[in-house]
Amino acid sequence: MAASLPPELIAHVLGALAPARLLASRALCASLRIIAECDSLWRPHCEARWRPARDDAELLAPPPRAR
């Protein structure tokens, strides 16, 4: 099934999945496993999960320079 579609189209569809569904899609076939393991599909989920909150980001920012 997946072999008849362009990998870019499959990646686009997989990109709409929640992390648990994306992980489960790896078990369907070898070609889906390869595509589902692409960093570009996981990056948004990782950034959403581990991105510092705005207040935390402000705490981590360097102090303003004195004039």
PDB file of N, CA and C in Angstrom:
ATOM      1  N   MET A   1       0.816  -1.189   0.000  1.00  0.00           N
ATOM      2  CA  MET A   1       0.000   0.000   0.000  1.00  0.00           C
ATOM      3  C   MET A   1       0.860   1.253   0.000  1.00  0.00           C
ATOM      4  N   ALA A   2       1.736   1.394   0.996  1.00  0.00           N
ATOM      5  CA  ALA A   2       2.537   2.608   1.118  1.00  0.00           C
ATOM      6  C   ALA A   2       3.496   2.765  -0.052  1.00  0.00           C
ATOM      7  N   ALA A   3       3.904   1.665  -0.667  1.00  0.00           N
ATOM      8  CA  ALA A   3       4.867   1.732  -1.765  1.00  0.00           C
ATOM      9  C   ALA A   3       4.278   2.409  -2.995  1.00  0.00           C
ATOM     10  N   SER A   4       2.966   2.462  -3.115  1.00  0.00           N
ATOM     11  CA  SER A   4       2.350   3.065  -4.289  1.00  0.00           C
ATOM     12  C   SER A   4       2.187   4.585  -4.147  1.00  0.00           C
ATOM     13  N   LEU A   5       2.466   5.136  -2.985  1.00  0.00           N
ATOM     14  CA  LEU A   5       2.348   6.576  -2.760  1.00  0.00           C
ATOM     15  C   LEU A   5       3.737   7.186  -2.619  1.00  0.00           C
ATOM     16  N   PRO A   6       3.894   8.435  -3.042  1.00  0.00           N
ATOM     17  CA  PRO A   6       5.192   9.096  -2.867  1.00  0.00           C
ATOM     18  C   PRO A   6       5.512   9.277  -1.378  1.00  0.00           C
ATOM     19  N   PRO A   7       6.766   9.089  -0.997  1.00  0.00           N
ATOM     20  CA  PRO A   7       7.134   9.235   0.418  1.00  0.00           C
ATOM     21  C   PRO A   7       6.786  10.610   0.986  1.00  0.00           C
ATOM     22  N   GLU A   8       6.854  11.648   0.162  1.00  0.00           N
ATOM     23  CA  GLU A   8       6.516  12.992   0.630  1.00  0.00           C
ATOM     24  C   GLU A   8       5.054  13.083   1.046  1.00  0.00           C
ATOM     25  N   LEU A   9       4.175  12.427   0.292  1.00  0.00           N
ATOM     26  CA  LEU A   9       2.759  12.423   0.627  1.00  0.00           C
ATOM     27  C   LEU A   9       2.511  11.639   1.914  1.00  0.00           C
ATOM     28  N   ILE A  10       3.170  10.522   2.048  1.00  0.00           N
ATOM     29  CA  ILE A  10       3.028   9.719   3.269  1.00  0.00           C
ATOM     30  C   ILE A  10       3.524  10.519   4.471  1.00  0.00           C
ATOM     31  N   ALA A  11       4.655  11.186   4.333  1.00  0.00           N
ATOM     32  CA  ALA A  11       5.187  11.999   5.430  1.00  0.00           C
ATOM     33  C   ALA A  11       4.227  13.121   5.793  1.00  0.00           C
ATOM     34  N   HIS A  12       3.598  13.713   4.802  1.00  0.00           N
ATOM     35  CA  HIS A  12       2.629  14.783   5.061  1.00  0.00           C
ATOM     36  C   HIS A  12       1.452  14.251   5.885  1.00  0.00           C
ATOM     37  N   VAL A  13       0.948  13.099   5.521  1.00  0.00           N
ATOM     38  CA  VAL A  13      -0.171  12.489   6.255  1.00  0.00           C
ATOM     39  C   VAL A  13       0.266  12.102   7.662  1.00  0.00           C
ATOM     40  N   LEU A  14       1.426  11.472   7.779  1.00  0.00           N
ATOM     41  CA  LEU A  14       1.917  11.071   9.101  1.00  0.00           C
ATOM     42  C   LEU A  14       2.183  12.278   9.993  1.00  0.00           C
ATOM     43  N   GLY A  15       2.522  13.400   9.395  1.00  0.00           N
ATOM     44  CA  GLY A  15       2.779  14.607  10.164  1.00  0.00           C
ATOM     45  C   GLY A  15       1.559  15.138  10.896  1.00  0.00           C
ATOM     46  N   ALA A  16       0.382  14.718  10.494  1.00  0.00           N
ATOM     47  CA  ALA A  16      -0.848  15.159  11.153  1.00  0.00           C
ATOM     48  C   ALA A  16      -1.225  14.273  12.340  1.00  0.00           C
ATOM     49  N   LEU A  17      -0.485  13.201  12.546  1.00  0.00           N
ATOM     50  CA  LEU A  17      -0.823  12.258  13.615  1.00  0.00           C
ATOM     51  C   LEU A  17      -0.277  12.708  14.963  1.00  0.00           C
ATOM     52  N   ALA A  18      -0.991  12.328  16.003  1.00  0.00           N
ATOM     53  CA  ALA A  18      -0.514  12.519  17.368  1.00  0.00           C
ATOM     54  C   ALA A  18       0.679  11.586  17.591  1.00  0.00           C
ATOM     55  N   PRO A  19       1.546  11.895  18.553  1.00  0.00           N
ATOM     56  CA  PRO A  19       2.732  11.068  18.764  1.00  0.00           C
ATOM     57  C   PRO A  19       2.445   9.574  18.946  1.00  0.00           C
ATOM     58  N   ALA A  20       1.427   9.217  19.691  1.00  0.00           N
ATOM     59  CA  ALA A  20       1.125   7.793  19.908  1.00  0.00           C
ATOM     60  C   ALA A  20       0.735   7.107  18.601  1.00  0.00           C
ATOM     61  N   ARG A  21      -0.032   7.773  17.773  1.00  0.00           N
ATOM     62  CA  ARG A  21      -0.434   7.206  16.479  1.00  0.00           C
ATOM     63  C   ARG A  21       0.759   7.134  15.525  1.00  0.00           C
ATOM     64  N   LEU A  22       1.608   8.144  15.567  1.00  0.00           N
ATOM     65  CA  LEU A  22       2.803   8.135  14.727  1.00  0.00           C
ATOM     66  C   LEU A  22       3.707   6.969  15.123  1.00  0.00           C
ATOM     67  N   LEU A  23       3.850   6.758  16.400  1.00  0.00           N
ATOM     68  CA  LEU A  23       4.643   5.630  16.877  1.00  0.00           C
ATOM     69  C   LEU A  23       4.027   4.303  16.436  1.00  0.00           C
ATOM     70  N   ALA A  24       2.705   4.188  16.538  1.00  0.00           N
ATOM     71  CA  ALA A  24       2.024   2.952  16.139  1.00  0.00           C
ATOM     72  C   ALA A  24       2.125   2.704  14.638  1.00  0.00           C
ATOM     73  N   SER A  25       2.198   3.759  13.837  1.00  0.00           N
ATOM     74  CA  SER A  25       2.261   3.590  12.384  1.00  0.00           C
ATOM     75  C   SER A  25       3.539   2.868  11.952  1.00  0.00           C
ATOM     76  N   ARG A  26       4.557   2.914  12.798  1.00  0.00           N
ATOM     77  CA  ARG A  26       5.821   2.237  12.485  1.00  0.00           C
ATOM     78  C   ARG A  26       5.648   0.731  12.361  1.00  0.00           C
ATOM     79  N   ALA A  27       4.631   0.172  13.010  1.00  0.00           N
ATOM     80  CA  ALA A  27       4.438  -1.282  13.020  1.00  0.00           C
ATOM     81  C   ALA A  27       3.687  -1.794  11.790  1.00  0.00           C
ATOM     82  N   LEU A  28       3.198  -0.915  10.937  1.00  0.00           N
ATOM     83  CA  LEU A  28       2.370  -1.352   9.818  1.00  0.00           C
ATOM     84  C   LEU A  28       3.166  -1.990   8.686  1.00  0.00           C
ATOM     85  N   CYS A  29       4.286  -1.388   8.319  1.00  0.00           N
ATOM     86  CA  CYS A  29       5.137  -1.969   7.275  1.00  0.00           C
ATOM     87  C   CYS A  29       6.494  -1.276   7.313  1.00  0.00           C
ATOM     88  N   ALA A  30       7.461  -1.877   6.641  1.00  0.00           N
ATOM     89  CA  ALA A  30       8.830  -1.357   6.680  1.00  0.00           C
ATOM     90  C   ALA A  30       8.933   0.050   6.094  1.00  0.00           C
ATOM     91  N   SER A  31       8.227   0.320   5.015  1.00  0.00           N
ATOM     92  CA  SER A  31       8.338   1.651   4.403  1.00  0.00           C
ATOM     93  C   SER A  31       7.737   2.725   5.311  1.00  0.00           C
ATOM     94  N   LEU A  32       6.640   2.410   5.998  1.00  0.00           N
ATOM     95  CA  LEU A  32       6.078   3.376   6.946  1.00  0.00           C
ATOM     96  C   LEU A  32       7.006   3.566   8.136  1.00  0.00           C
ATOM     97  N   ARG A  33       7.655   2.491   8.570  1.00  0.00           N
ATOM     98  CA  ARG A  33       8.588   2.604   9.698  1.00  0.00           C
ATOM     99  C   ARG A  33       9.705   3.578   9.362  1.00  0.00           C
ATOM    100  N   ILE A  34      10.254   3.469   8.178  1.00  0.00           N
ATOM    101  CA  ILE A  34      11.354   4.349   7.768  1.00  0.00           C
ATOM    102  C   ILE A  34      10.897   5.803   7.745  1.00  0.00           C
ATOM    103  N   ILE A  35       9.740   6.045   7.173  1.00  0.00           N
ATOM    104  CA  ILE A  35       9.226   7.422   7.075  1.00  0.00           C
ATOM    105  C   ILE A  35       8.829   7.948   8.451  1.00  0.00           C
ATOM    106  N   ALA A  36       8.175   7.116   9.264  1.00  0.00           N
ATOM    107  CA  ALA A  36       7.690   7.551  10.578  1.00  0.00           C
ATOM    108  C   ALA A  36       8.820   7.850  11.551  1.00  0.00           C
ATOM    109  N   GLU A  37      10.023   7.387  11.256  1.00  0.00           N
ATOM    110  CA  GLU A  37      11.160   7.659  12.136  1.00  0.00           C
ATOM    111  C   GLU A  37      11.928   8.915  11.738  1.00  0.00           C
ATOM    112  N   CYS A  38      11.462   9.637  10.735  1.00  0.00           N
ATOM    113  CA  CYS A  38      12.146  10.862  10.293  1.00  0.00           C
ATOM    114  C   CYS A  38      12.089  11.932  11.385  1.00  0.00           C
ATOM    115  N   ASP A  39      13.220  12.554  11.613  1.00  0.00           N
ATOM    116  CA  ASP A  39      13.288  13.618  12.621  1.00  0.00           C
ATOM    117  C   ASP A  39      12.300  14.743  12.345  1.00  0.00           C
ATOM    118  N   SER A  40      12.075  15.035  11.072  1.00  0.00           N
ATOM    119  CA  SER A  40      11.191  16.152  10.729  1.00  0.00           C
ATOM    120  C   SER A  40       9.758  15.908  11.188  1.00  0.00           C
ATOM    121  N   LEU A  41       9.359  14.663  11.332  1.00  0.00           N
ATOM    122  CA  LEU A  41       8.014  14.364  11.841  1.00  0.00           C
ATOM    123  C   LEU A  41       7.946  14.469  13.360  1.00  0.00           C
ATOM    124  N   TRP A  42       9.035  14.165  14.024  1.00  0.00           N
ATOM    125  CA  TRP A  42       9.052  14.162  15.490  1.00  0.00           C
ATOM    126  C   TRP A  42       9.415  15.512  16.088  1.00  0.00           C
ATOM    127  N   ARG A  43      10.134  16.340  15.341  1.00  0.00           N
ATOM    128  CA  ARG A  43      10.591  17.626  15.872  1.00  0.00           C
ATOM    129  C   ARG A  43       9.453  18.478  16.446  1.00  0.00           C
ATOM    130  N   PRO A  44       8.330  18.674  15.738  1.00  0.00           N
ATOM    131  CA  PRO A  44       7.261  19.500  16.313  1.00  0.00           C
ATOM    132  C   PRO A  44       6.710  18.938  17.622  1.00  0.00           C
ATOM    133  N   HIS A  45       6.616  17.615  17.717  1.00  0.00           N
ATOM    134  CA  HIS A  45       6.112  17.004  18.956  1.00  0.00           C
ATOM    135  C   HIS A  45       7.098  17.218  20.100  1.00  0.00           C
ATOM    136  N   CYS A  46       8.378  17.054  19.813  1.00  0.00           N
ATOM    137  CA  CYS A  46       9.403  17.249  20.839  1.00  0.00           C
ATOM    138  C   CYS A  46       9.469  18.707  21.284  1.00  0.00           C
ATOM    139  N   GLU A  47       9.407  19.614  20.329  1.00  0.00           N
ATOM    140  CA  GLU A  47       9.449  21.030  20.686  1.00  0.00           C
ATOM    141  C   GLU A  47       8.231  21.430  21.512  1.00  0.00           C
ATOM    142  N   ALA A  48       7.068  20.907  21.166  1.00  0.00           N
ATOM    143  CA  ALA A  48       5.855  21.226  21.924  1.00  0.00           C
ATOM    144  C   ALA A  48       5.931  20.662  23.339  1.00  0.00           C
ATOM    145  N   ARG A  49       6.554  19.499  23.467  1.00  0.00           N
ATOM    146  CA  ARG A  49       6.620  18.841  24.771  1.00  0.00           C
ATOM    147  C   ARG A  49       7.690  19.444  25.677  1.00  0.00           C
ATOM    148  N   TRP A  50       8.855  19.776  25.102  1.00  0.00           N
ATOM    149  CA  TRP A  50       9.982  20.188  25.927  1.00  0.00           C
ATOM    150  C   TRP A  50      10.407  21.634  25.744  1.00  0.00           C
ATOM    151  N   ARG A  51       9.642  22.421  25.024  1.00  0.00           N
ATOM    152  CA  ARG A  51       9.974  23.843  24.871  1.00  0.00           C
ATOM    153  C   ARG A  51       9.715  24.523  26.216  1.00  0.00           C
ATOM    154  N   PRO A  52      10.647  25.360  26.683  1.00  0.00           N
ATOM    155  CA  PRO A  52      10.406  26.040  27.958  1.00  0.00           C
ATOM    156  C   PRO A  52       9.211  26.983  27.854  1.00  0.00           C
ATOM    157  N   ALA A  53       8.482  27.090  28.936  1.00  0.00           N
ATOM    158  CA  ALA A  53       7.364  28.031  28.986  1.00  0.00           C
ATOM    159  C   ALA A  53       7.916  29.449  28.827  1.00  0.00           C
ATOM    160  N   ARG A  54       7.066  30.366  28.488  1.00  0.00           N
ATOM    161  CA  ARG A  54       7.519  31.744  28.244  1.00  0.00           C
ATOM    162  C   ARG A  54       8.209  32.313  29.477  1.00  0.00           C
ATOM    163  N   ASP A  55       7.644  32.082  30.652  1.00  0.00           N
ATOM    164  CA  ASP A  55       8.261  32.599  31.879  1.00  0.00           C
ATOM    165  C   ASP A  55       9.639  31.967  32.085  1.00  0.00           C
ATOM    166  N   ASP A  56       9.763  30.674  31.811  1.00  0.00           N
ATOM    167  CA  ASP A  56      11.050  30.001  31.952  1.00  0.00           C
ATOM    168  C   ASP A  56      12.053  30.581  30.961  1.00  0.00           C
ATOM    169  N   ALA A  57      11.611  30.858  29.752  1.00  0.00           N
ATOM    170  CA  ALA A  57      12.503  31.413  28.736  1.00  0.00           C
ATOM    171  C   ALA A  57      13.015  32.779  29.176  1.00  0.00           C
ATOM    172  N   GLU A  58      12.154  33.557  29.805  1.00  0.00           N
ATOM    173  CA  GLU A  58      12.577  34.870  30.285  1.00  0.00           C
ATOM    174  C   GLU A  58      13.598  34.729  31.402  1.00  0.00           C
ATOM    175  N   LEU A  59      13.440  33.707  32.241  1.00  0.00           N
ATOM    176  CA  LEU A  59      14.402  33.483  33.317  1.00  0.00           C
ATOM    177  C   LEU A  59      15.757  33.044  32.762  1.00  0.00           C
ATOM    178  N   LEU A  60      15.740  32.321  31.660  1.00  0.00           N
ATOM    179  CA  LEU A  60      16.973  31.816  31.077  1.00  0.00           C
ATOM    180  C   LEU A  60      17.687  32.847  30.204  1.00  0.00           C
ATOM    181  N   ALA A  61      16.979  33.894  29.845  1.00  0.00           N
ATOM    182  CA  ALA A  61      17.567  34.927  28.976  1.00  0.00           C
ATOM    183  C   ALA A  61      18.627  35.709  29.737  1.00  0.00           C
ATOM    184  N   PRO A  62      19.658  36.147  29.044  1.00  0.00           N
ATOM    185  CA  PRO A  62      20.683  36.963  29.722  1.00  0.00           C
ATOM    186  C   PRO A  62      20.090  38.301  30.161  1.00  0.00           C
ATOM    187  N   PRO A  63      20.626  38.879  31.224  1.00  0.00           N
ATOM    188  CA  PRO A  63      20.089  40.171  31.680  1.00  0.00           C
ATOM    189  C   PRO A  63      20.333  41.250  30.621  1.00  0.00           C
ATOM    190  N   PRO A  64      19.495  42.272  30.602  1.00  0.00           N
ATOM    191  CA  PRO A  64      19.706  43.359  29.627  1.00  0.00           C
ATOM    192  C   PRO A  64      21.026  44.080  29.921  1.00  0.00           C
ATOM    193  N   ARG A  65      21.634  44.546  28.861  1.00  0.00           N
ATOM    194  CA  ARG A  65      22.904  45.260  29.025  1.00  0.00           C
ATOM    195  C   ARG A  65      22.669  46.657  29.593  1.00  0.00           C
ATOM    196  N   ALA A  66      23.528  47.037  30.530  1.00  0.00           N
ATOM    197  CA  ALA A  66      23.440  48.382  31.120  1.00  0.00           C
ATOM    198  C   ALA A  66      23.960  49.401  30.113  1.00  0.00           C
ATOM    199  N   ARG A  67      23.355  50.572  30.114  1.00  0.00           N
ATOM    200  CA  ARG A  67      23.801  51.628  29.194  1.00  0.00           C
ATOM    201  C   ARG A  67      24.566  52.687  29.923  1.00  0.00           C
TER     202      ARG A  67
END
